[in-house]
PDB file of N, CA and C in Angstrom:
ATOM      1  N   MET A   1      -5.668   6.744  -7.805  1.00  0.00           N
ATOM      2  CA  MET A   1      -4.804   8.043  -7.346  1.00  0.00           C
ATOM      3  C   MET A   1      -4.099   8.130  -6.282  1.00  0.00           C
ATOM      4  N   PRO A   2      -2.973   9.125  -6.831  1.00  0.00           N
ATOM      5  CA  PRO A   2      -2.253   9.152  -5.660  1.00  0.00           C
ATOM      6  C   PRO A   2      -2.453   9.568  -4.672  1.00  0.00           C
ATOM      7  N   LYS A   3      -1.914   9.434  -3.594  1.00  0.00           N
ATOM      8  CA  LYS A   3      -1.503   9.827  -2.224  1.00  0.00           C
ATOM      9  C   LYS A   3      -1.703  11.439  -2.663  1.00  0.00           C
ATOM     10  N   VAL A   4      -2.313  12.431  -1.414  1.00  0.00           N
ATOM     11  CA  VAL A   4      -2.636  13.868  -1.447  1.00  0.00           C
ATOM     12  C   VAL A   4      -1.605  13.941   0.012  1.00  0.00           C
ATOM     13  N   ALA A   5      -0.611  15.343   0.210  1.00  0.00           N
ATOM     14  CA  ALA A   5      -0.333  15.724   1.202  1.00  0.00           C
ATOM     15  C   ALA A   5      -1.634  16.082   2.385  1.00  0.00           C
ATOM     16  N   VAL A   6      -0.986  15.899   3.924  1.00  0.00           N
ATOM     17  CA  VAL A   6      -2.335  15.897   4.772  1.00  0.00           C
ATOM     18  C   VAL A   6      -1.572  17.184   5.769  1.00  0.00           C
ATOM     19  N   ARG A   7      -2.159  18.681   5.656  1.00  0.00           N
ATOM     20  CA  ARG A   7      -1.697  19.358   6.849  1.00  0.00           C
ATOM     21  C   ARG A   7      -2.752  20.072   8.101  1.00  0.00           C
ATOM     22  N   PHE A   8      -2.271  20.528   9.060  1.00  0.00           N
ATOM     23  CA  PHE A   8      -3.022  21.128   9.490  1.00  0.00           C
ATOM     24  C   PHE A   8      -2.552  22.299   9.825  1.00  0.00           C
ATOM     25  N   ALA A   9      -4.157  23.104   9.712  1.00  0.00           N
ATOM     26  CA  ALA A   9      -4.197  24.318   9.942  1.00  0.00           C
ATOM     27  C   ALA A   9      -3.562  24.547  11.529  1.00  0.00           C
ATOM     28  N   GLU A  10      -3.300  25.965  12.523  1.00  0.00           N
ATOM     29  CA  GLU A  10      -3.313  25.947  13.221  1.00  0.00           C
ATOM     30  C   GLU A  10      -4.605  26.427  14.544  1.00  0.00           C
ATOM     31  N   SER A  11      -5.273  26.234  13.377  1.00  0.00           N
ATOM     32  CA  SER A  11      -6.129  26.317  14.084  1.00  0.00           C
ATOM     33  C   SER A  11      -6.867  24.653  14.576  1.00  0.00           C
ATOM     34  N   ALA A  12      -6.508  23.944  13.992  1.00  0.00           N
ATOM     35  CA  ALA A  12      -7.215  22.295  13.957  1.00  0.00           C
ATOM     36  C   ALA A  12      -6.156  22.450  14.802  1.00  0.00           C
ATOM     37  N   LEU A  13      -5.120  22.430  15.296  1.00  0.00           N
ATOM     38  CA  LEU A  13      -4.586  21.683  16.203  1.00  0.00           C
ATOM     39  C   LEU A  13      -4.478  22.245  17.633  1.00  0.00           C
ATOM     40  N   ALA A  14      -4.856  23.570  17.617  1.00  0.00           N
ATOM     41  CA  ALA A  14      -5.483  24.112  18.928  1.00  0.00           C
ATOM     42  C   ALA A  14      -7.256  23.315  19.670  1.00  0.00           C
ATOM     43  N   ASP A  15      -7.427  23.055  18.428  1.00  0.00           N
ATOM     44  CA  ASP A  15      -8.776  22.474  18.525  1.00  0.00           C
ATOM     45  C   ASP A  15      -8.948  21.010  19.408  1.00  0.00           C
ATOM     46  N   LEU A  16      -7.414  20.543  18.900  1.00  0.00           N
ATOM     47  CA  LEU A  16      -7.355  18.993  19.322  1.00  0.00           C
ATOM     48  C   LEU A  16      -6.703  19.246  20.602  1.00  0.00           C
ATOM     49  N   GLU A  17      -5.941  19.845  20.695  1.00  0.00           N
ATOM     50  CA  GLU A  17      -5.390  20.293  21.769  1.00  0.00           C
ATOM     51  C   GLU A  17      -6.594  20.618  23.404  1.00  0.00           C
ATOM     52  N   ALA A  18      -7.209  21.212  22.571  1.00  0.00           N
ATOM     53  CA  ALA A  18      -8.432  22.056  23.513  1.00  0.00           C
ATOM     54  C   ALA A  18      -9.387  20.297  23.859  1.00  0.00           C
ATOM     55  N   LEU A  19      -9.470  19.872  22.583  1.00  0.00           N
ATOM     56  CA  LEU A  19     -10.113  18.425  22.913  1.00  0.00           C
ATOM     57  C   LEU A  19      -9.369  17.867  24.409  1.00  0.00           C
ATOM     58  N   ARG A  20      -7.666  17.627  24.161  1.00  0.00           N
ATOM     59  CA  ARG A  20      -7.058  16.859  24.938  1.00  0.00           C
ATOM     60  C   ARG A  20      -7.545  17.385  26.316  1.00  0.00           C
ATOM     61  N   ALA A  21      -7.459  18.696  26.377  1.00  0.00           N
ATOM     62  CA  ALA A  21      -7.463  19.423  27.655  1.00  0.00           C
ATOM     63  C   ALA A  21      -9.086  18.902  28.336  1.00  0.00           C
ATOM     64  N   TRP A  22      -9.507  19.581  27.226  1.00  0.00           N
ATOM     65  CA  TRP A  22     -11.015  19.294  28.038  1.00  0.00           C
ATOM     66  C   TRP A  22     -11.352  18.024  28.457  1.00  0.00           C
ATOM     67  N   TYR A  23     -11.353  16.277  28.117  1.00  0.00           N
ATOM     68  CA  TYR A  23     -11.312  15.507  28.476  1.00  0.00           C
ATOM     69  C   TYR A  23     -10.749  15.179  29.721  1.00  0.00           C
ATOM     70  N   ALA A  24      -9.329  16.063  29.919  1.00  0.00           N
ATOM     71  CA  ALA A  24      -8.678  15.551  31.068  1.00  0.00           C
ATOM     72  C   ALA A  24      -9.046  16.417  32.668  1.00  0.00           C
ATOM     73  N   GLU A  25      -9.354  17.665  32.019  1.00  0.00           N
ATOM     74  CA  GLU A  25     -10.025  18.014  32.859  1.00  0.00           C
ATOM     75  C   GLU A  25     -11.195  17.765  33.566  1.00  0.00           C
ATOM     76  N   GLN A  26     -12.084  17.038  32.698  1.00  0.00           N
ATOM     77  CA  GLN A  26     -13.290  16.181  33.329  1.00  0.00           C
ATOM     78  C   GLN A  26     -12.978  14.360  33.703  1.00  0.00           C
ATOM     79  N   SER A  27     -11.743  14.962  34.136  1.00  0.00           N
ATOM     80  CA  SER A  27     -10.812  13.036  34.622  1.00  0.00           C
ATOM     81  C   SER A  27     -11.716  11.987  33.852  1.00  0.00           C
ATOM     82  N   VAL A  28     -11.601  12.092  32.494  1.00  0.00           N
ATOM     83  CA  VAL A  28     -11.735  10.390  31.422  1.00  0.00           C
ATOM     84  C   VAL A  28     -10.146  11.362  30.280  1.00  0.00           C
ATOM     85  N   PRO A  29      -9.138  11.138  31.298  1.00  0.00           N
ATOM     86  CA  PRO A  29      -8.248  11.561  29.687  1.00  0.00           C
ATOM     87  C   PRO A  29      -8.110  10.087  28.718  1.00  0.00           C
ATOM     88  N   ASP A  30      -8.662   9.208  29.074  1.00  0.00           N
ATOM     89  CA  ASP A  30      -8.451   7.788  28.179  1.00  0.00           C
ATOM     90  C   ASP A  30      -9.777   8.227  27.627  1.00  0.00           C
ATOM     91  N   VAL A  31     -10.536   9.004  27.465  1.00  0.00           N
ATOM     92  CA  VAL A  31     -11.818   9.229  26.763  1.00  0.00           C
ATOM     93  C   VAL A  31     -11.290   9.694  25.455  1.00  0.00           C
ATOM     94  N   GLY A  32     -10.806  11.001  26.115  1.00  0.00           N
ATOM     95  CA  GLY A  32      -9.765  11.828  25.199  1.00  0.00           C
ATOM     96  C   GLY A  32      -9.237  11.293  23.971  1.00  0.00           C
ATOM     97  N   GLU A  33      -8.373  10.618  24.715  1.00  0.00           N
ATOM     98  CA  GLU A  33      -7.140   9.788  24.172  1.00  0.00           C
ATOM     99  C   GLU A  33      -7.806   8.988  22.658  1.00  0.00           C
ATOM    100  N   ARG A  34      -8.782   8.384  23.367  1.00  0.00           N
ATOM    101  CA  ARG A  34      -9.091   7.218  22.110  1.00  0.00           C
ATOM    102  C   ARG A  34     -10.190   8.069  21.272  1.00  0.00           C
ATOM    103  N   LEU A  35     -10.786   9.436  21.650  1.00  0.00           N
ATOM    104  CA  LEU A  35     -11.021   9.929  20.732  1.00  0.00           C
ATOM    105  C   LEU A  35     -10.408  10.775  19.793  1.00  0.00           C
ATOM    106  N   LEU A  36      -9.477  11.140  20.609  1.00  0.00           N
ATOM    107  CA  LEU A  36      -8.382  11.828  19.577  1.00  0.00           C
ATOM    108  C   LEU A  36      -7.247  10.419  18.469  1.00  0.00           C
ATOM    109  N   GLY A  37      -7.262   9.356  18.777  1.00  0.00           N
ATOM    110  CA  GLY A  37      -7.165   8.606  18.121  1.00  0.00           C
ATOM    111  C   GLY A  37      -7.929   8.051  16.493  1.00  0.00           C
ATOM    112  N   GLU A  38      -9.822   8.214  17.431  1.00  0.00           N
ATOM    113  CA  GLU A  38     -10.272   7.635  16.062  1.00  0.00           C
ATOM    114  C   GLU A  38     -10.170   9.271  14.980  1.00  0.00           C
ATOM    115  N   ILE A  39     -10.544  10.591  15.659  1.00  0.00           N
ATOM    116  CA  ILE A  39     -10.170  11.207  14.303  1.00  0.00           C
ATOM    117  C   ILE A  39      -8.598  11.508  13.709  1.00  0.00           C
ATOM    118  N   VAL A  40      -7.745  11.314  13.849  1.00  0.00           N
ATOM    119  CA  VAL A  40      -6.565  10.998  13.118  1.00  0.00           C
ATOM    120  C   VAL A  40      -6.373  10.059  12.373  1.00  0.00           C
ATOM    121  N   ALA A  41      -7.105   9.016  13.021  1.00  0.00           N
ATOM    122  CA  ALA A  41      -6.801   7.559  12.058  1.00  0.00           C
ATOM    123  C   ALA A  41      -7.634   8.093  10.501  1.00  0.00           C
ATOM    124  N   SER A  42      -9.437   9.079  10.959  1.00  0.00           N
ATOM    125  CA  SER A  42     -10.513   9.927  10.224  1.00  0.00           C
ATOM    126  C   SER A  42      -9.712  10.508   9.146  1.00  0.00           C
ATOM    127  N   ILE A  43      -8.438  11.240   9.466  1.00  0.00           N
ATOM    128  CA  ILE A  43      -8.086  12.426   8.731  1.00  0.00           C
ATOM    129  C   ILE A  43      -6.914  11.471   7.821  1.00  0.00           C
ATOM    130  N   GLU A  44      -6.041  10.807   8.404  1.00  0.00           N
ATOM    131  CA  GLU A  44      -5.024   9.675   8.082  1.00  0.00           C
ATOM    132  C   GLU A  44      -5.492   8.815   6.639  1.00  0.00           C
ATOM    133  N   ALA A  45      -7.069   8.529   6.458  1.00  0.00           N
ATOM    134  CA  ALA A  45      -7.624   8.097   5.347  1.00  0.00           C
ATOM    135  C   ALA A  45      -7.771   9.023   4.706  1.00  0.00           C
ATOM    136  N   LEU A  46      -8.044  10.406   4.912  1.00  0.00           N
ATOM    137  CA  LEU A  46      -7.856  11.411   3.444  1.00  0.00           C
ATOM    138  C   LEU A  46      -7.054  11.635   2.229  1.00  0.00           C
ATOM    139  N   ALA A  47      -5.623  11.323   3.325  1.00  0.00           N
ATOM    140  CA  ALA A  47      -4.351  10.651   2.311  1.00  0.00           C
ATOM    141  C   ALA A  47      -4.728   9.983   0.677  1.00  0.00           C
ATOM    142  N   ASP A  48      -5.549   8.747   1.232  1.00  0.00           N
ATOM    143  CA  ASP A  48      -5.884   8.400   0.293  1.00  0.00           C
ATOM    144  C   ASP A  48      -7.287   8.713  -0.474  1.00  0.00           C
ATOM    145  N   HIS A  49      -8.223   8.897   0.218  1.00  0.00           N
ATOM    146  CA  HIS A  49      -9.487   9.354  -0.791  1.00  0.00           C
ATOM    147  C   HIS A  49      -9.828  11.093   0.154  1.00  0.00           C
ATOM    148  N   PRO A  50      -9.441  11.500  -0.541  1.00  0.00           N
ATOM    149  CA  PRO A  50     -10.104  13.099   0.126  1.00  0.00           C
ATOM    150  C   PRO A  50     -10.855  13.228  -0.446  1.00  0.00           C
ATOM    151  N   ASP A  51     -11.837  13.140  -1.440  1.00  0.00           N
ATOM    152  CA  ASP A  51     -12.868  13.541  -1.508  1.00  0.00           C
ATOM    153  C   ASP A  51     -14.035  12.565  -0.262  1.00  0.00           C
ATOM    154  N   MET A  52     -13.604  11.874   0.554  1.00  0.00           N
ATOM    155  CA  MET A  52     -14.257  11.067   1.322  1.00  0.00           C
ATOM    156  C   MET A  52     -15.539  12.381   1.820  1.00  0.00           C
ATOM    157  N   GLY A  53     -15.015  13.759   2.251  1.00  0.00           N
ATOM    158  CA  GLY A  53     -16.394  14.484   2.966  1.00  0.00           C
ATOM    159  C   GLY A  53     -16.653  14.784   2.462  1.00  0.00           C
ATOM    160  N   ARG A  54     -18.359  15.519   2.844  1.00  0.00           N
ATOM    161  CA  ARG A  54     -19.586  15.964   1.889  1.00  0.00           C
ATOM    162  C   ARG A  54     -18.740  17.281   2.216  1.00  0.00           C
ATOM    163  N   THR A  55     -19.359  18.507   1.488  1.00  0.00           N
ATOM    164  CA  THR A  55     -19.454  19.848   1.452  1.00  0.00           C
ATOM    165  C   THR A  55     -19.625  20.407   2.671  1.00  0.00           C
ATOM    166  N   VAL A  56     -19.442  21.019   3.103  1.00  0.00           N
ATOM    167  CA  VAL A  56     -19.811  21.577   4.000  1.00  0.00           C
ATOM    168  C   VAL A  56     -20.775  22.617   4.167  1.00  0.00           C
ATOM    169  N   PRO A  57     -22.207  21.972   4.796  1.00  0.00           N
ATOM    170  CA  PRO A  57     -23.565  22.612   4.160  1.00  0.00           C
ATOM    171  C   PRO A  57     -23.818  24.502   4.208  1.00  0.00           C
ATOM    172  N   GLU A  58     -22.954  25.112   5.611  1.00  0.00           N
ATOM    173  CA  GLU A  58     -23.279  26.226   5.480  1.00  0.00           C
ATOM    174  C   GLU A  58     -22.666  27.151   4.625  1.00  0.00           C
ATOM    175  N   PHE A  59     -21.487  26.504   3.972  1.00  0.00           N
ATOM    176  CA  PHE A  59     -20.405  27.112   2.916  1.00  0.00           C
ATOM    177  C   PHE A  59     -20.662  26.705   1.344  1.00  0.00           C
ATOM    178  N   GLU A  60     -21.415  25.637   1.242  1.00  0.00           N
ATOM    179  CA  GLU A  60     -21.440  25.236   0.030  1.00  0.00           C
ATOM    180  C   GLU A  60     -20.408  25.645  -1.049  1.00  0.00           C
ATOM    181  N   GLN A  61     -19.191  25.639  -0.381  1.00  0.00           N
ATOM    182  CA  GLN A  61     -17.675  25.633  -2.019  1.00  0.00           C
ATOM    183  C   GLN A  61     -17.269  24.375  -1.493  1.00  0.00           C
ATOM    184  N   PRO A  62     -17.274  23.551  -2.813  1.00  0.00           N
ATOM    185  CA  PRO A  62     -16.821  22.770  -2.803  1.00  0.00           C
ATOM    186  C   PRO A  62     -15.787  22.076  -2.459  1.00  0.00           C
ATOM    187  N   PHE A  63     -14.306  23.063  -2.368  1.00  0.00           N
ATOM    188  CA  PHE A  63     -13.108  22.851  -1.754  1.00  0.00           C
ATOM    189  C   PHE A  63     -13.660  22.729  -0.058  1.00  0.00           C
ATOM    190  N   LEU A  64     -14.393  23.276   0.252  1.00  0.00           N
ATOM    191  CA  LEU A  64     -14.569  22.660   1.853  1.00  0.00           C
ATOM    192  C   LEU A  64     -15.258  22.503   2.266  1.00  0.00           C
ATOM    193  N   ARG A  65     -14.292  21.212   2.709  1.00  0.00           N
ATOM    194  CA  ARG A  65     -15.712  19.742   3.005  1.00  0.00           C
ATOM    195  C   ARG A  65     -14.911  19.494   4.589  1.00  0.00           C
ATOM    196  N   GLU A  66     -15.668  18.439   4.880  1.00  0.00           N
ATOM    197  CA  GLU A  66     -15.851  17.515   6.107  1.00  0.00           C
ATOM    198  C   GLU A  66     -16.293  16.384   6.400  1.00  0.00           C
ATOM    199  N   LEU A  67     -16.146  15.933   7.145  1.00  0.00           N
ATOM    200  CA  LEU A  67     -15.911  14.573   7.298  1.00  0.00           C
ATOM    201  C   LEU A  67     -16.523  14.796   8.738  1.00  0.00           C
ATOM    202  N   ILE A  68     -17.738  13.863   9.234  1.00  0.00           N
ATOM    203  CA  ILE A  68     -18.549  13.991  10.025  1.00  0.00           C
ATOM    204  C   ILE A  68     -18.107  12.579  11.654  1.00  0.00           C
ATOM    205  N   ARG A  69     -17.047  12.912  12.207  1.00  0.00           N
ATOM    206  CA  ARG A  69     -17.006  12.167  13.382  1.00  0.00           C
ATOM    207  C   ARG A  69     -17.679  11.845  14.473  1.00  0.00           C
ATOM    208  N   PRO A  70     -19.232  11.612  15.055  1.00  0.00           N
ATOM    209  CA  PRO A  70     -19.721  12.229  16.165  1.00  0.00           C
ATOM    210  C   PRO A  70     -19.298  12.161  17.083  1.00  0.00           C
ATOM    211  N   PRO A  71     -18.952  12.952  18.031  1.00  0.00           N
ATOM    212  CA  PRO A  71     -19.866  14.351  18.053  1.00  0.00           C
ATOM    213  C   PRO A  71     -18.592  15.120  17.189  1.00  0.00           C
ATOM    214  N   PHE A  72     -18.079  15.050  16.606  1.00  0.00           N
ATOM    215  CA  PHE A  72     -17.342  16.418  16.073  1.00  0.00           C
ATOM    216  C   PHE A  72     -17.045  16.012  14.519  1.00  0.00           C
ATOM    217  N   ARG A  73     -16.592  17.170  14.071  1.00  0.00           N
ATOM    218  CA  ARG A  73     -17.191  17.540  12.244  1.00  0.00           C
ATOM    219  C   ARG A  73     -15.237  17.906  12.283  1.00  0.00           C
ATOM    220  N   ILE A  74     -14.859  17.291  11.346  1.00  0.00           N
ATOM    221  CA  ILE A  74     -13.536  17.447  10.645  1.00  0.00           C
ATOM    222  C   ILE A  74     -13.381  18.568   9.387  1.00  0.00           C
ATOM    223  N   VAL A  75     -13.261  19.558   9.725  1.00  0.00           N
ATOM    224  CA  VAL A  75     -13.666  20.331   8.289  1.00  0.00           C
ATOM    225  C   VAL A  75     -11.891  20.955   7.938  1.00  0.00           C
ATOM    226  N   TYR A  76     -12.243  20.176   6.457  1.00  0.00           N
ATOM    227  CA  TYR A  76     -10.755  20.452   5.517  1.00  0.00           C
ATOM    228  C   TYR A  76     -10.913  21.077   4.504  1.00  0.00           C
ATOM    229  N   ARG A  77      -9.910  21.539   3.798  1.00  0.00           N
ATOM    230  CA  ARG A  77      -9.872  22.500   2.464  1.00  0.00           C
ATOM    231  C   ARG A  77      -9.559  21.263   1.380  1.00  0.00           C
ATOM    232  N   ARG A  78     -10.198  21.381   0.113  1.00  0.00           N
ATOM    233  CA  ARG A  78      -9.638  20.057  -0.439  1.00  0.00           C
ATOM    234  C   ARG A  78      -8.563  20.903  -1.263  1.00  0.00           C
ATOM    235  N   GLU A  79      -7.254  20.625  -2.221  1.00  0.00           N
ATOM    236  CA  GLU A  79      -6.633  21.016  -3.106  1.00  0.00           C
ATOM    237  C   GLU A  79      -6.193  20.216  -4.194  1.00  0.00           C
ATOM    238  N   PRO A  80      -5.902  20.216  -5.144  1.00  0.00           N
ATOM    239  CA  PRO A  80      -5.560  18.803  -6.086  1.00  0.00           C
ATOM    240  C   PRO A  80      -4.528  18.223  -5.335  1.00  0.00           C
ATOM    241  N   LYS A  81      -3.047  18.547  -4.847  1.00  0.00           N
ATOM    242  CA  LYS A  81      -2.285  17.789  -4.241  1.00  0.00           C
ATOM    243  C   LYS A  81      -2.464  17.659  -2.819  1.00  0.00           C
ATOM    244  N   LEU A  82      -2.942  18.297  -2.003  1.00  0.00           N
ATOM    245  CA  LEU A  82      -3.252  18.666  -0.624  1.00  0.00           C
ATOM    246  C   LEU A  82      -4.678  18.436   0.000  1.00  0.00           C
ATOM    247  N   VAL A  83      -4.758  18.004   1.338  1.00  0.00           N
ATOM    248  CA  VAL A  83      -5.512  18.442   2.404  1.00  0.00           C
ATOM    249  C   VAL A  83      -5.371  19.143   3.383  1.00  0.00           C
ATOM    250  N   ARG A  84      -6.104  20.154   4.043  1.00  0.00           N
ATOM    251  CA  ARG A  84      -5.114  21.216   5.177  1.00  0.00           C
ATOM    252  C   ARG A  84      -6.693  21.168   6.007  1.00  0.00           C
ATOM    253  N   VAL A  85      -6.592  20.383   7.107  1.00  0.00           N
ATOM    254  CA  VAL A  85      -7.567  19.955   8.490  1.00  0.00           C
ATOM    255  C   VAL A  85      -7.298  21.438   8.444  1.00  0.00           C
ATOM    256  N   VAL A  86      -8.470  21.888   8.723  1.00  0.00           N
ATOM    257  CA  VAL A  86      -8.911  23.599   9.461  1.00  0.00           C
ATOM    258  C   VAL A  86      -9.315  23.701  10.221  1.00  0.00           C
ATOM    259  N   ARG A  87     -10.743  22.707  10.919  1.00  0.00           N
ATOM    260  CA  ARG A  87     -11.681  22.461  12.265  1.00  0.00           C
ATOM    261  C   ARG A  87     -11.628  21.214  13.034  1.00  0.00           C
ATOM    262  N   VAL A  88     -11.744  21.035  14.172  1.00  0.00           N
ATOM    263  CA  VAL A  88     -12.132  20.392  14.646  1.00  0.00           C
ATOM    264  C   VAL A  88     -13.065  20.191  15.266  1.00  0.00           C
ATOM    265  N   TRP A  89     -14.110  20.401  15.340  1.00  0.00           N
ATOM    266  CA  TRP A  89     -15.255  21.205  15.972  1.00  0.00           C
ATOM    267  C   TRP A  89     -16.351  19.679  17.040  1.00  0.00           C
ATOM    268  N   ARG A  90     -16.522  19.959  17.599  1.00  0.00           N
ATOM    269  CA  ARG A  90     -18.407  19.752  18.511  1.00  0.00           C
ATOM    270  C   ARG A  90     -19.137  19.930  17.350  1.00  0.00           C
ATOM    271  N   SER A  91     -20.177  18.776  17.055  1.00  0.00           N
ATOM    272  CA  SER A  91     -21.121  19.048  15.545  1.00  0.00           C
ATOM    273  C   SER A  91     -22.283  19.911  16.039  1.00  0.00           C
ATOM    274  N   GLU A  92     -22.477  20.018  17.484  1.00  0.00           N
ATOM    275  CA  GLU A  92     -23.375  21.016  17.846  1.00  0.00           C
ATOM    276  C   GLU A  92     -22.986  22.521  17.653  1.00  0.00           C
ATOM    277  N   ARG A  93     -21.583  23.234  17.661  1.00  0.00           N
ATOM    278  CA  ARG A  93     -20.847  24.397  17.506  1.00  0.00           C
ATOM    279  C   ARG A  93     -21.465  24.535  16.406  1.00  0.00           C
ATOM    280  N   LEU A  94     -21.693  26.266  16.101  1.00  0.00           N
ATOM    281  CA  LEU A  94     -21.243  26.930  14.814  1.00  0.00           C
ATOM    282  C   LEU A  94     -20.238  26.787  14.444  1.00  0.00           C
ATOM    283  N   LEU A  95     -20.192  27.074  13.255  1.00  0.00           N
ATOM    284  CA  LEU A  95     -18.601  26.533  12.498  1.00  0.00           C
ATOM    285  C   LEU A  95     -18.186  27.926  12.443  1.00  0.00           C
ATOM    286  N   GLU A  96     -16.851  27.811  12.509  1.00  0.00           N
ATOM    287  CA  GLU A  96     -16.125  29.473  12.196  1.00  0.00           C
ATOM    288  C   GLU A  96     -14.566  28.820  11.624  1.00  0.00           C
ATOM    289  N   VAL A  97     -14.522  29.204  10.572  1.00  0.00           N
ATOM    290  CA  VAL A  97     -13.204  28.890   9.425  1.00  0.00           C
ATOM    291  C   VAL A  97     -12.569  29.994   9.354  1.00  0.00           C
ATOM    292  N   PRO A  98     -10.913  29.725   9.939  1.00  0.00           N
ATOM    293  CA  PRO A  98     -10.265  30.693  10.116  1.00  0.00           C
ATOM    294  C   PRO A  98     -10.202  31.813   8.505  1.00  0.00           C
ATOM    295  N   ASP A  99      -9.207  32.849   8.679  1.00  0.00           N
ATOM    296  CA  ASP A  99      -9.353  33.664   6.981  1.00  0.00           C
ATOM    297  C   ASP A  99      -8.368  32.614   6.805  1.00  0.00           C
ATOM    298  N   GLU A 100      -8.586  33.477   5.271  1.00  0.00           N
ATOM    299  CA  GLU A 100      -7.848  32.169   3.925  1.00  0.00           C
ATOM    300  C   GLU A 100      -6.814  32.698   4.339  1.00  0.00           C
ATOM    301  N   ASP A 101      -5.886  33.044   5.171  1.00  0.00           N
ATOM    302  CA  ASP A 101      -4.173  33.390   5.268  1.00  0.00           C
ATOM    303  C   ASP A 101      -4.110  31.926   6.154  1.00  0.00           C
ATOM    304  N   ALA A 102      -5.206  31.225   7.059  1.00  0.00           N
ATOM    305  CA  ALA A 102      -4.692  30.404   8.273  1.00  0.00           C
ATOM    306  C   ALA A 102      -4.526  28.593   7.052  1.00  0.00           C
ATOM    307  N   PHE A 103      -4.955  29.133   5.930  1.00  0.00           N
ATOM    308  CA  PHE A 103      -5.254  28.037   4.666  1.00  0.00           C
ATOM    309  C   PHE A 103      -4.189  27.519   4.914  1.00  0.00           C
TER     310      PHE A 103
END
């Protein structure tokens, strides 16, 4: 299977920046950077394996999938030649997916 493109919605970029900022505020920026690196590595793997995530249980839509990288959920929209990451949230938070326009 050929690689698919991986893109980020503004909401996912904001989530990643908030994650970095939170760990910096907690005086453990190195932990934040390590977690960001692990999250990005998981997202990069989607280029080769776009279906490796499960369907998001709250929505039960086959195109809306997620990777679980404790304590985070990486939510993405799966299209034939594209993966668009829409959220990167702590798993205990209720999931909010941005409007279709953000995809």
